Amino acid sequence: MTAPPSSPDALAPHDFRVVEISREPIELYKILKFEGFAASGGEAKAVVAAGAVRVNGHCETQKRRKIVSGDTIEFNGQKIRITRSSAPDERPASTGGSVARDAQGSTQQ
C-alpha cells in the first residue's frame, strides 16, 4: 500500500505551474496581476469580466472570486495551481494586504 502524495507539486497536474500564497483567500484579479497574466488590476478585472479566465476548469466572471489552496487558474494558455505557503507571512496582519509567492519563493505585493 502506497501513501498518497503530500507535497503540493505531487498533486499539481504536470502542465500547471505551482504558485504559493501566504494568505487565503485572495481575490482572482490579484492573482492575475501578481503572476503577470495582466499588466494591472484594471486589466485583470477586464479579462475576468470578459470570460477569458477559467477557475477549476469553469469560466469565471467574478473579478473578486475568492481563490484558495487547491484552486487552478487558466488564462491565455497559462495554467497555475494555488497552494498555501508554509512560511510565515512577511507582512503585519494589520495591513490587510495579501502576498503572492511563486514556487521559487519570490514575493510580489
N, C-alpha and C. Protein backbone atom coordinates (compact mmCIF):
# COMPACT_ATOMS: atom_id res chain seq x y z
N MET A 1 0.84 -1.18 0.00
CA MET A 1 0.00 0.00 0.00
C MET A 1 0.89 1.24 0.00
N THR A 2 0.60 2.19 -0.87
CA THR A 2 1.40 3.40 -1.01
C THR A 2 0.68 4.58 -0.39
N ALA A 3 1.42 5.40 0.33
CA ALA A 3 0.84 6.61 0.93
C ALA A 3 0.56 7.63 -0.17
N PRO A 4 -0.52 8.41 -0.04
CA PRO A 4 -0.82 9.43 -1.04
C PRO A 4 0.25 10.51 -1.03
N PRO A 5 0.48 11.15 -2.18
CA PRO A 5 1.48 12.22 -2.22
C PRO A 5 1.07 13.36 -1.31
N SER A 6 2.05 13.98 -0.65
CA SER A 6 1.70 15.06 0.27
C SER A 6 2.25 16.41 -0.16
N SER A 7 3.22 16.45 -1.06
CA SER A 7 3.76 17.75 -1.48
C SER A 7 2.82 18.38 -2.50
N PRO A 8 2.72 19.72 -2.51
CA PRO A 8 1.85 20.39 -3.48
C PRO A 8 2.22 20.07 -4.92
N ASP A 9 3.53 19.94 -5.21
CA ASP A 9 3.95 19.63 -6.57
C ASP A 9 3.45 18.27 -7.01
N ALA A 10 3.37 17.32 -6.08
CA ALA A 10 2.92 15.98 -6.43
C ALA A 10 1.44 15.99 -6.81
N LEU A 11 0.70 16.93 -6.27
CA LEU A 11 -0.73 16.99 -6.53
C LEU A 11 -1.09 17.83 -7.75
N ALA A 12 -0.17 18.64 -8.24
CA ALA A 12 -0.45 19.53 -9.37
C ALA A 12 -0.36 18.76 -10.68
N PRO A 13 -1.32 18.99 -11.59
CA PRO A 13 -1.19 18.40 -12.92
C PRO A 13 0.12 18.86 -13.55
N HIS A 14 0.68 18.04 -14.42
CA HIS A 14 2.01 18.30 -14.97
C HIS A 14 2.11 19.62 -15.74
N ASP A 15 1.05 20.07 -16.37
CA ASP A 15 1.14 21.30 -17.16
C ASP A 15 0.75 22.55 -16.36
N PHE A 16 0.58 22.42 -15.06
CA PHE A 16 0.26 23.57 -14.21
C PHE A 16 1.50 23.98 -13.42
N ARG A 17 1.75 25.29 -13.36
CA ARG A 17 2.82 25.83 -12.53
C ARG A 17 2.25 26.06 -11.14
N VAL A 18 2.97 25.69 -10.10
CA VAL A 18 2.50 25.86 -8.73
C VAL A 18 2.85 27.26 -8.24
N VAL A 19 1.86 27.95 -7.68
CA VAL A 19 2.04 29.28 -7.11
C VAL A 19 1.61 29.21 -5.65
N GLU A 20 2.50 29.64 -4.76
CA GLU A 20 2.19 29.64 -3.33
C GLU A 20 1.67 31.01 -2.91
N ILE A 21 0.67 31.01 -2.05
CA ILE A 21 0.15 32.24 -1.46
C ILE A 21 0.35 32.17 0.04
N SER A 22 0.56 33.31 0.67
CA SER A 22 0.80 33.32 2.11
C SER A 22 -0.49 33.50 2.90
N ARG A 23 -1.53 33.97 2.23
CA ARG A 23 -2.84 34.15 2.89
C ARG A 23 -3.92 33.67 1.96
N GLU A 24 -4.99 33.20 2.54
CA GLU A 24 -6.14 32.87 1.72
C GLU A 24 -7.39 33.28 2.47
N PRO A 25 -8.43 33.61 1.77
CA PRO A 25 -8.50 33.63 0.31
C PRO A 25 -7.83 34.88 -0.25
N ILE A 26 -7.56 34.84 -1.55
CA ILE A 26 -7.06 36.00 -2.28
C ILE A 26 -7.94 36.16 -3.51
N GLU A 27 -8.22 37.38 -3.88
CA GLU A 27 -9.13 37.63 -5.00
C GLU A 27 -8.48 37.27 -6.33
N LEU A 28 -9.28 36.73 -7.23
CA LEU A 28 -8.81 36.25 -8.53
C LEU A 28 -8.03 37.32 -9.28
N TYR A 29 -8.55 38.52 -9.38
CA TYR A 29 -7.88 39.54 -10.18
C TYR A 29 -6.48 39.85 -9.63
N LYS A 30 -6.28 39.71 -8.31
CA LYS A 30 -4.97 39.97 -7.72
C LYS A 30 -3.96 38.90 -8.14
N ILE A 31 -4.40 37.65 -8.19
CA ILE A 31 -3.51 36.58 -8.65
C ILE A 31 -3.09 36.85 -10.09
N LEU A 32 -4.04 37.24 -10.94
CA LEU A 32 -3.72 37.51 -12.34
C LEU A 32 -2.70 38.63 -12.45
N LYS A 33 -2.85 39.65 -11.63
CA LYS A 33 -1.92 40.78 -11.64
C LYS A 33 -0.56 40.36 -11.09
N PHE A 34 -0.52 39.70 -9.94
CA PHE A 34 0.74 39.29 -9.32
C PHE A 34 1.54 38.35 -10.20
N GLU A 35 0.86 37.47 -10.91
CA GLU A 35 1.55 36.46 -11.71
C GLU A 35 1.86 36.94 -13.13
N GLY A 36 1.54 38.20 -13.42
CA GLY A 36 1.90 38.78 -14.72
C GLY A 36 0.97 38.38 -15.85
N PHE A 37 -0.19 37.80 -15.54
CA PHE A 37 -1.16 37.47 -16.58
C PHE A 37 -1.80 38.75 -17.11
N ALA A 38 -1.79 39.81 -16.29
CA ALA A 38 -2.34 41.11 -16.67
C ALA A 38 -1.38 42.18 -16.17
N ALA A 39 -1.30 43.29 -16.90
CA ALA A 39 -0.37 44.36 -16.56
C ALA A 39 -0.82 45.19 -15.36
N SER A 40 -2.13 45.17 -15.09
CA SER A 40 -2.66 45.98 -13.98
C SER A 40 -3.89 45.30 -13.41
N GLY A 41 -4.32 45.79 -12.26
CA GLY A 41 -5.55 45.27 -11.66
C GLY A 41 -6.76 45.53 -12.54
N GLY A 42 -6.78 46.69 -13.19
CA GLY A 42 -7.89 47.01 -14.09
C GLY A 42 -7.96 46.08 -15.28
N GLU A 43 -6.79 45.77 -15.85
CA GLU A 43 -6.74 44.83 -16.96
C GLU A 43 -7.17 43.43 -16.51
N ALA A 44 -6.72 43.03 -15.32
CA ALA A 44 -7.10 41.72 -14.78
C ALA A 44 -8.61 41.62 -14.61
N LYS A 45 -9.22 42.67 -14.06
CA LYS A 45 -10.67 42.68 -13.88
C LYS A 45 -11.39 42.59 -15.22
N ALA A 46 -10.85 43.27 -16.23
CA ALA A 46 -11.48 43.27 -17.56
C ALA A 46 -11.45 41.89 -18.20
N VAL A 47 -10.31 41.17 -18.10
CA VAL A 47 -10.24 39.85 -18.74
C VAL A 47 -11.13 38.84 -18.01
N VAL A 48 -11.28 39.01 -16.70
CA VAL A 48 -12.20 38.13 -15.96
C VAL A 48 -13.63 38.43 -16.38
N ALA A 49 -14.00 39.71 -16.41
CA ALA A 49 -15.36 40.10 -16.79
C ALA A 49 -15.71 39.64 -18.21
N ALA A 50 -14.70 39.57 -19.08
CA ALA A 50 -14.92 39.14 -20.46
C ALA A 50 -15.05 37.63 -20.59
N GLY A 51 -14.84 36.90 -19.49
CA GLY A 51 -14.99 35.44 -19.53
C GLY A 51 -13.77 34.71 -20.07
N ALA A 52 -12.60 35.37 -20.04
CA ALA A 52 -11.38 34.78 -20.60
C ALA A 52 -10.59 33.94 -19.60
N VAL A 53 -11.07 33.83 -18.36
CA VAL A 53 -10.35 33.11 -17.31
C VAL A 53 -11.17 31.90 -16.85
N ARG A 54 -10.46 30.80 -16.62
CA ARG A 54 -11.11 29.60 -16.10
C ARG A 54 -10.56 29.32 -14.71
N VAL A 55 -11.46 29.03 -13.78
CA VAL A 55 -11.07 28.63 -12.43
C VAL A 55 -11.62 27.23 -12.20
N ASN A 56 -10.73 26.32 -11.86
CA ASN A 56 -11.11 24.93 -11.65
C ASN A 56 -11.86 24.36 -12.85
N GLY A 57 -11.43 24.77 -14.04
CA GLY A 57 -11.99 24.25 -15.28
C GLY A 57 -13.26 24.92 -15.77
N HIS A 58 -13.76 25.91 -15.03
CA HIS A 58 -15.01 26.59 -15.41
C HIS A 58 -14.75 28.07 -15.68
N CYS A 59 -15.45 28.60 -16.67
CA CYS A 59 -15.36 30.03 -16.99
C CYS A 59 -15.77 30.84 -15.76
N GLU A 60 -14.93 31.80 -15.40
CA GLU A 60 -15.21 32.62 -14.21
C GLU A 60 -15.33 34.08 -14.61
N THR A 61 -16.42 34.73 -14.19
CA THR A 61 -16.62 36.14 -14.50
C THR A 61 -16.67 37.01 -13.23
N GLN A 62 -16.48 36.41 -12.06
CA GLN A 62 -16.45 37.18 -10.82
C GLN A 62 -15.02 37.65 -10.57
N LYS A 63 -14.79 38.94 -10.72
CA LYS A 63 -13.45 39.52 -10.57
C LYS A 63 -12.87 39.29 -9.19
N ARG A 64 -13.73 39.30 -8.20
CA ARG A 64 -13.28 39.15 -6.81
C ARG A 64 -13.52 37.74 -6.27
N ARG A 65 -13.62 36.79 -7.17
CA ARG A 65 -13.77 35.39 -6.76
C ARG A 65 -12.66 35.05 -5.77
N LYS A 66 -13.02 34.43 -4.67
CA LYS A 66 -12.04 34.08 -3.64
C LYS A 66 -11.31 32.82 -4.05
N ILE A 67 -9.99 32.92 -4.18
CA ILE A 67 -9.14 31.81 -4.58
C ILE A 67 -8.45 31.25 -3.33
N VAL A 68 -8.47 29.92 -3.21
CA VAL A 68 -7.85 29.25 -2.06
C VAL A 68 -6.94 28.13 -2.55
N SER A 69 -6.19 27.58 -1.63
CA SER A 69 -5.29 26.47 -1.95
C SER A 69 -6.06 25.34 -2.62
N GLY A 70 -5.48 24.82 -3.69
CA GLY A 70 -6.12 23.74 -4.45
C GLY A 70 -6.81 24.21 -5.71
N ASP A 71 -7.10 25.51 -5.80
CA ASP A 71 -7.75 26.04 -7.00
C ASP A 71 -6.76 26.07 -8.16
N THR A 72 -7.28 25.93 -9.37
CA THR A 72 -6.48 26.09 -10.58
C THR A 72 -7.02 27.26 -11.37
N ILE A 73 -6.11 27.97 -12.05
CA ILE A 73 -6.47 29.13 -12.86
C ILE A 73 -5.84 28.96 -14.22
N GLU A 74 -6.62 29.21 -15.27
CA GLU A 74 -6.12 29.13 -16.64
C GLU A 74 -6.47 30.43 -17.36
N PHE A 75 -5.47 30.97 -18.06
CA PHE A 75 -5.69 32.18 -18.85
C PHE A 75 -4.64 32.26 -19.94
N ASN A 76 -5.09 32.47 -21.16
CA ASN A 76 -4.20 32.73 -22.28
C ASN A 76 -3.11 31.66 -22.43
N GLY A 77 -3.49 30.41 -22.25
CA GLY A 77 -2.56 29.30 -22.40
C GLY A 77 -1.69 29.03 -21.18
N GLN A 78 -1.79 29.85 -20.16
CA GLN A 78 -1.02 29.65 -18.93
C GLN A 78 -1.90 28.99 -17.88
N LYS A 79 -1.30 28.09 -17.11
CA LYS A 79 -2.06 27.37 -16.09
C LYS A 79 -1.29 27.37 -14.78
N ILE A 80 -1.99 27.71 -13.70
CA ILE A 80 -1.36 27.69 -12.38
C ILE A 80 -2.25 26.96 -11.39
N ARG A 81 -1.62 26.37 -10.40
CA ARG A 81 -2.32 25.73 -9.29
C ARG A 81 -1.89 26.45 -8.02
N ILE A 82 -2.84 26.84 -7.20
CA ILE A 82 -2.58 27.62 -6.00
C ILE A 82 -2.35 26.69 -4.81
N THR A 83 -1.30 26.99 -4.04
CA THR A 83 -1.05 26.28 -2.79
C THR A 83 -0.79 27.30 -1.69
N ARG A 84 -1.00 26.91 -0.47
CA ARG A 84 -0.76 27.79 0.68
C ARG A 84 0.68 27.58 1.13
N SER A 85 1.42 28.66 1.28
CA SER A 85 2.80 28.56 1.72
C SER A 85 2.84 28.21 3.20
N SER A 86 3.86 27.47 3.59
CA SER A 86 4.01 27.10 5.00
C SER A 86 4.86 28.12 5.74
N ALA A 87 5.49 29.05 4.99
CA ALA A 87 6.30 30.09 5.61
C ALA A 87 5.41 31.13 6.26
N PRO A 88 5.86 31.72 7.35
CA PRO A 88 5.06 32.78 7.98
C PRO A 88 4.92 33.96 7.05
N ASP A 89 3.79 34.64 7.16
CA ASP A 89 3.51 35.82 6.35
C ASP A 89 4.55 36.89 6.63
N GLU A 90 4.98 37.60 5.60
CA GLU A 90 6.01 38.62 5.74
C GLU A 90 5.45 40.00 6.02
N ARG A 91 4.14 40.17 6.02
CA ARG A 91 3.54 41.48 6.27
C ARG A 91 2.77 41.44 7.57
N PRO A 92 2.73 42.54 8.28
CA PRO A 92 1.93 42.58 9.51
C PRO A 92 0.46 42.34 9.19
N ALA A 93 -0.21 41.64 10.08
CA ALA A 93 -1.62 41.30 9.87
C ALA A 93 -2.50 42.54 9.74
N SER A 94 -2.12 43.64 10.36
CA SER A 94 -2.98 44.83 10.35
C SER A 94 -3.06 45.53 9.00
N THR A 95 -2.18 45.21 8.05
CA THR A 95 -2.21 45.90 6.76
C THR A 95 -3.34 45.40 5.88
N GLY A 96 -3.77 44.16 6.09
CA GLY A 96 -4.86 43.62 5.28
C GLY A 96 -4.45 43.22 3.89
N GLY A 97 -3.18 43.37 3.52
CA GLY A 97 -2.72 43.04 2.18
C GLY A 97 -2.39 41.57 2.04
N SER A 98 -2.38 41.08 0.83
CA SER A 98 -2.01 39.71 0.55
C SER A 98 -0.68 39.69 -0.18
N VAL A 99 0.03 38.61 -0.02
CA VAL A 99 1.31 38.46 -0.69
C VAL A 99 1.25 37.18 -1.48
N ALA A 100 1.60 37.26 -2.74
CA ALA A 100 1.67 36.05 -3.58
C ALA A 100 3.13 35.63 -3.63
N ARG A 101 3.35 34.32 -3.61
CA ARG A 101 4.70 33.80 -3.66
C ARG A 101 4.72 32.67 -4.66
N ASP A 102 5.64 32.73 -5.62
CA ASP A 102 5.70 31.64 -6.58
C ASP A 102 6.53 30.49 -6.02
N ALA A 103 6.60 29.40 -6.75
CA ALA A 103 7.25 28.19 -6.25
C ALA A 103 8.74 28.40 -5.98
N GLN A 104 9.35 29.42 -6.59
CA GLN A 104 10.76 29.69 -6.35
C GLN A 104 10.96 30.57 -5.11
N GLY A 105 9.90 31.02 -4.48
CA GLY A 105 9.98 31.77 -3.24
C GLY A 105 9.99 33.28 -3.40
N SER A 106 9.95 33.79 -4.63
CA SER A 106 9.93 35.25 -4.76
C SER A 106 8.54 35.77 -4.43
N THR A 107 8.48 36.94 -3.83
CA THR A 107 7.20 37.51 -3.42
C THR A 107 6.87 38.71 -4.26
N GLN A 108 5.56 38.93 -4.40
CA GLN A 108 5.04 40.12 -5.07
C GLN A 108 3.88 40.62 -4.26
N GLN A 109 3.82 41.93 -4.08
CA GLN A 109 2.74 42.51 -3.29
C GLN A 109 1.88 43.39 -4.13
